[in-house]
Amino acid sequence: MQDSAAAQQEILDRFKEEMEAIAHRWGDDAKNKAERTLNAALTASREAMMTTMHDCAIAAPESLRCEVESTTTWLASSIRESRRVATMNLIAASMTIFAAGLVLWVLG
């Protein structure tokens, strides 16, 4: 009976060691899979970030160019309008001088 109990205890101890070894392997496997998953996610995130940065690096100068062109167009139209007003002012001033000269000639 003691031999049987000792044999059963030894079998139980071996079973316990095997279960602990299996649990340890599962833990290592889970850790390795988690690390691989994390590395894959980090790689995908890095690639997405690089793609976004590249797209923004292309879009930013284009946007700036459009804004500069828009501002330049607005300034050009403002300058044309200013020239038109200045021309009208010169014509009005010339007419005023002519009228003043005419009045002086008639009165003089």
C-alpha atoms as a PDB file:
ATOM      1  CA  MET A   1       0.000   0.000   0.000  1.00  0.00           C
ATOM      2  CA  GLN A   2       2.849   2.373   0.859  1.00  0.00           C
ATOM      3  CA  ASP A   3       4.571   1.456  -2.404  1.00  0.00           C
ATOM      4  CA  SER A   4       1.353   2.186  -4.275  1.00  0.00           C
ATOM      5  CA  ALA A   5       0.916   5.516  -2.483  1.00  0.00           C
ATOM      6  CA  ALA A   6       4.543   6.454  -3.189  1.00  0.00           C
ATOM      7  CA  ALA A   7       4.116   5.463  -6.859  1.00  0.00           C
ATOM      8  CA  GLN A   8       0.917   7.483  -7.093  1.00  0.00           C
ATOM      9  CA  GLN A   9       2.634  10.436  -5.431  1.00  0.00           C
ATOM     10  CA  GLU A  10       5.491  10.190  -7.917  1.00  0.00           C
ATOM     11  CA  ILE A  11       3.035  10.002 -10.818  1.00  0.00           C
ATOM     12  CA  LEU A  12       1.187  12.982  -9.356  1.00  0.00           C
ATOM     13  CA  ASP A  13       4.464  14.916  -8.972  1.00  0.00           C
ATOM     14  CA  ARG A  14       5.456  14.177 -12.570  1.00  0.00           C
ATOM     15  CA  PHE A  15       1.989  15.187 -13.753  1.00  0.00           C
ATOM     16  CA  LYS A  16       2.304  18.408 -11.763  1.00  0.00           C
ATOM     17  CA  GLU A  17       5.739  19.108 -13.312  1.00  0.00           C
ATOM     18  CA  GLU A  18       4.379  18.433 -16.786  1.00  0.00           C
ATOM     19  CA  MET A  19       1.437  20.760 -16.162  1.00  0.00           C
ATOM     20  CA  GLU A  20       3.789  23.476 -14.890  1.00  0.00           C
ATOM     21  CA  ALA A  21       6.019  23.007 -17.952  1.00  0.00           C
ATOM     22  CA  ILE A  22       2.991  23.226 -20.257  1.00  0.00           C
ATOM     23  CA  ALA A  23       1.758  26.342 -18.445  1.00  0.00           C
ATOM     24  CA  HIS A  24       5.237  27.868 -18.726  1.00  0.00           C
ATOM     25  CA  ARG A  25       5.376  27.082 -22.475  1.00  0.00           C
ATOM     26  CA  TRP A  26       1.898  28.555 -22.975  1.00  0.00           C
ATOM     27  CA  GLY A  27       2.995  31.669 -21.116  1.00  0.00           C
ATOM     28  CA  ASP A  28       6.112  31.976 -23.294  1.00  0.00           C
ATOM     29  CA  ASP A  29       4.067  31.351 -26.445  1.00  0.00           C
ATOM     30  CA  ALA A  30       1.512  33.977 -25.406  1.00  0.00           C
ATOM     31  CA  LYS A  31       4.296  36.442 -24.635  1.00  0.00           C
ATOM     32  CA  ASN A  32       5.979  35.808 -28.004  1.00  0.00           C
ATOM     33  CA  LYS A  33       2.688  36.154 -29.878  1.00  0.00           C
ATOM     34  CA  ALA A  34       1.894  39.370 -27.992  1.00  0.00           C
ATOM     35  CA  GLU A  35       5.334  40.775 -28.842  1.00  0.00           C
ATOM     36  CA  ARG A  36       4.911  39.861 -32.524  1.00  0.00           C
ATOM     37  CA  THR A  37       1.457  41.434 -32.577  1.00  0.00           C
ATOM     38  CA  LEU A  38       2.746  44.579 -30.873  1.00  0.00           C
ATOM     39  CA  ASN A  39       5.705  44.813 -33.263  1.00  0.00           C
ATOM     40  CA  ALA A  40       3.402  44.373 -36.262  1.00  0.00           C
ATOM     41  CA  ALA A  41       1.068  47.073 -34.916  1.00  0.00           C
ATOM     42  CA  LEU A  42       3.995  49.428 -34.290  1.00  0.00           C
ATOM     43  CA  THR A  43       5.350  48.805 -37.784  1.00  0.00           C
ATOM     44  CA  ALA A  44       1.941  49.434 -39.356  1.00  0.00           C
ATOM     45  CA  SER A  45       1.503  52.572 -37.246  1.00  0.00           C
ATOM     46  CA  ARG A  46       4.958  53.849 -38.207  1.00  0.00           C
ATOM     47  CA  GLU A  47       4.265  53.207 -41.894  1.00  0.00           C
ATOM     48  CA  ALA A  48       0.894  54.962 -41.669  1.00  0.00           C
ATOM     49  CA  MET A  49       2.519  57.904 -39.914  1.00  0.00           C
ATOM     50  CA  MET A  50       5.266  58.127 -42.555  1.00  0.00           C
ATOM     51  CA  THR A  51       2.663  57.999 -45.328  1.00  0.00           C
ATOM     52  CA  THR A  52       0.648  60.754 -43.659  1.00  0.00           C
ATOM     53  CA  MET A  53       3.757  62.872 -43.152  1.00  0.00           C
ATOM     54  CA  HIS A  54       4.714  62.376 -46.804  1.00  0.00           C
ATOM     55  CA  ASP A  55       1.228  63.337 -47.974  1.00  0.00           C
ATOM     56  CA  CYS A  56       1.245  66.430 -45.755  1.00  0.00           C
ATOM     57  CA  ALA A  57       4.721  67.372 -46.970  1.00  0.00           C
ATOM     58  CA  ILE A  58       3.364  67.324 -50.508  1.00  0.00           C
ATOM     59  CA  ALA A  59       0.075  69.065 -49.668  1.00  0.00           C
ATOM     60  CA  ALA A  60       1.529  71.902 -47.550  1.00  0.00           C
ATOM     61  CA  PRO A  61       3.567  73.578 -50.325  1.00  0.00           C
ATOM     62  CA  GLU A  62       0.673  73.170 -52.764  1.00  0.00           C
ATOM     63  CA  SER A  63      -1.679  74.823 -50.294  1.00  0.00           C
ATOM     64  CA  LEU A  64       0.819  77.619 -49.704  1.00  0.00           C
ATOM     65  CA  ARG A  65       1.222  78.115 -53.463  1.00  0.00           C
ATOM     66  CA  CYS A  66      -2.560  78.385 -53.880  1.00  0.00           C
ATOM     67  CA  GLU A  67      -2.769  80.946 -51.078  1.00  0.00           C
ATOM     68  CA  VAL A  68       0.072  83.001 -52.553  1.00  0.00           C
ATOM     69  CA  GLU A  69      -1.549  82.919 -55.997  1.00  0.00           C
ATOM     70  CA  SER A  70      -4.881  83.945 -54.509  1.00  0.00           C
ATOM     71  CA  THR A  71      -3.297  86.831 -52.609  1.00  0.00           C
ATOM     72  CA  THR A  72      -1.323  87.886 -55.674  1.00  0.00           C
ATOM     73  CA  THR A  73      -4.484  87.911 -57.782  1.00  0.00           C
ATOM     74  CA  TRP A  74      -6.289  89.994 -55.171  1.00  0.00           C
ATOM     75  CA  LEU A  75      -3.359  92.425 -54.950  1.00  0.00           C
ATOM     76  CA  ALA A  76      -3.207  92.746 -58.746  1.00  0.00           C
ATOM     77  CA  SER A  77      -6.899  93.606 -58.940  1.00  0.00           C
ATOM     78  CA  SER A  78      -6.484  96.108 -56.090  1.00  0.00           C
ATOM     79  CA  ILE A  79      -3.541  97.736 -57.896  1.00  0.00           C
ATOM     80  CA  ARG A  80      -5.559  97.945 -61.145  1.00  0.00           C
ATOM     81  CA  GLU A  81      -8.426  99.599 -59.265  1.00  0.00           C
ATOM     82  CA  SER A  82      -6.001 102.038 -57.586  1.00  0.00           C
ATOM     83  CA  ARG A  83      -4.537 102.959 -60.988  1.00  0.00           C
ATOM     84  CA  ARG A  84      -8.024 103.535 -62.379  1.00  0.00           C
ATOM     85  CA  VAL A  85      -8.901 105.815 -59.457  1.00  0.00           C
ATOM     86  CA  ALA A  86      -5.569 107.657 -59.790  1.00  0.00           C
ATOM     87  CA  THR A  87      -6.184 108.169 -63.514  1.00  0.00           C
ATOM     88  CA  MET A  88      -9.656 109.528 -62.791  1.00  0.00           C
ATOM     89  CA  ASN A  89      -8.167 111.866 -60.161  1.00  0.00           C
ATOM     90  CA  LEU A  90      -5.584 113.142 -62.670  1.00  0.00           C
ATOM     91  CA  ILE A  91      -8.315 113.770 -65.247  1.00  0.00           C
ATOM     92  CA  ALA A  92     -10.428 115.581 -62.657  1.00  0.00           C
ATOM     93  CA  ALA A  93      -7.432 117.656 -61.545  1.00  0.00           C
ATOM     94  CA  SER A  94      -6.640 118.523 -65.172  1.00  0.00           C
ATOM     95  CA  MET A  95     -10.253 119.562 -65.756  1.00  0.00           C
ATOM     96  CA  THR A  96     -10.137 121.715 -62.605  1.00  0.00           C
ATOM     97  CA  ILE A  97      -6.914 123.419 -63.727  1.00  0.00           C
ATOM     98  CA  PHE A  98      -8.365 123.961 -67.209  1.00  0.00           C
ATOM     99  CA  ALA A  99     -11.553 125.416 -65.712  1.00  0.00           C
ATOM    100  CA  ALA A 100      -9.526 127.685 -63.415  1.00  0.00           C
ATOM    101  CA  GLY A 101      -7.396 128.828 -66.376  1.00  0.00           C
ATOM    102  CA  LEU A 102     -10.520 129.463 -68.445  1.00  0.00           C
ATOM    103  CA  VAL A 103     -12.037 131.528 -65.627  1.00  0.00           C
ATOM    104  CA  LEU A 104      -8.811 133.557 -65.313  1.00  0.00           C
ATOM    105  CA  TRP A 105      -8.694 134.086 -69.080  1.00  0.00           C
ATOM    106  CA  VAL A 106     -12.335 135.176 -69.232  1.00  0.00           C
ATOM    107  CA  LEU A 107     -11.952 137.506 -66.239  1.00  0.00           C
ATOM    108  CA  GLY A 108      -8.550 138.726 -67.195  1.00  0.00           C
END
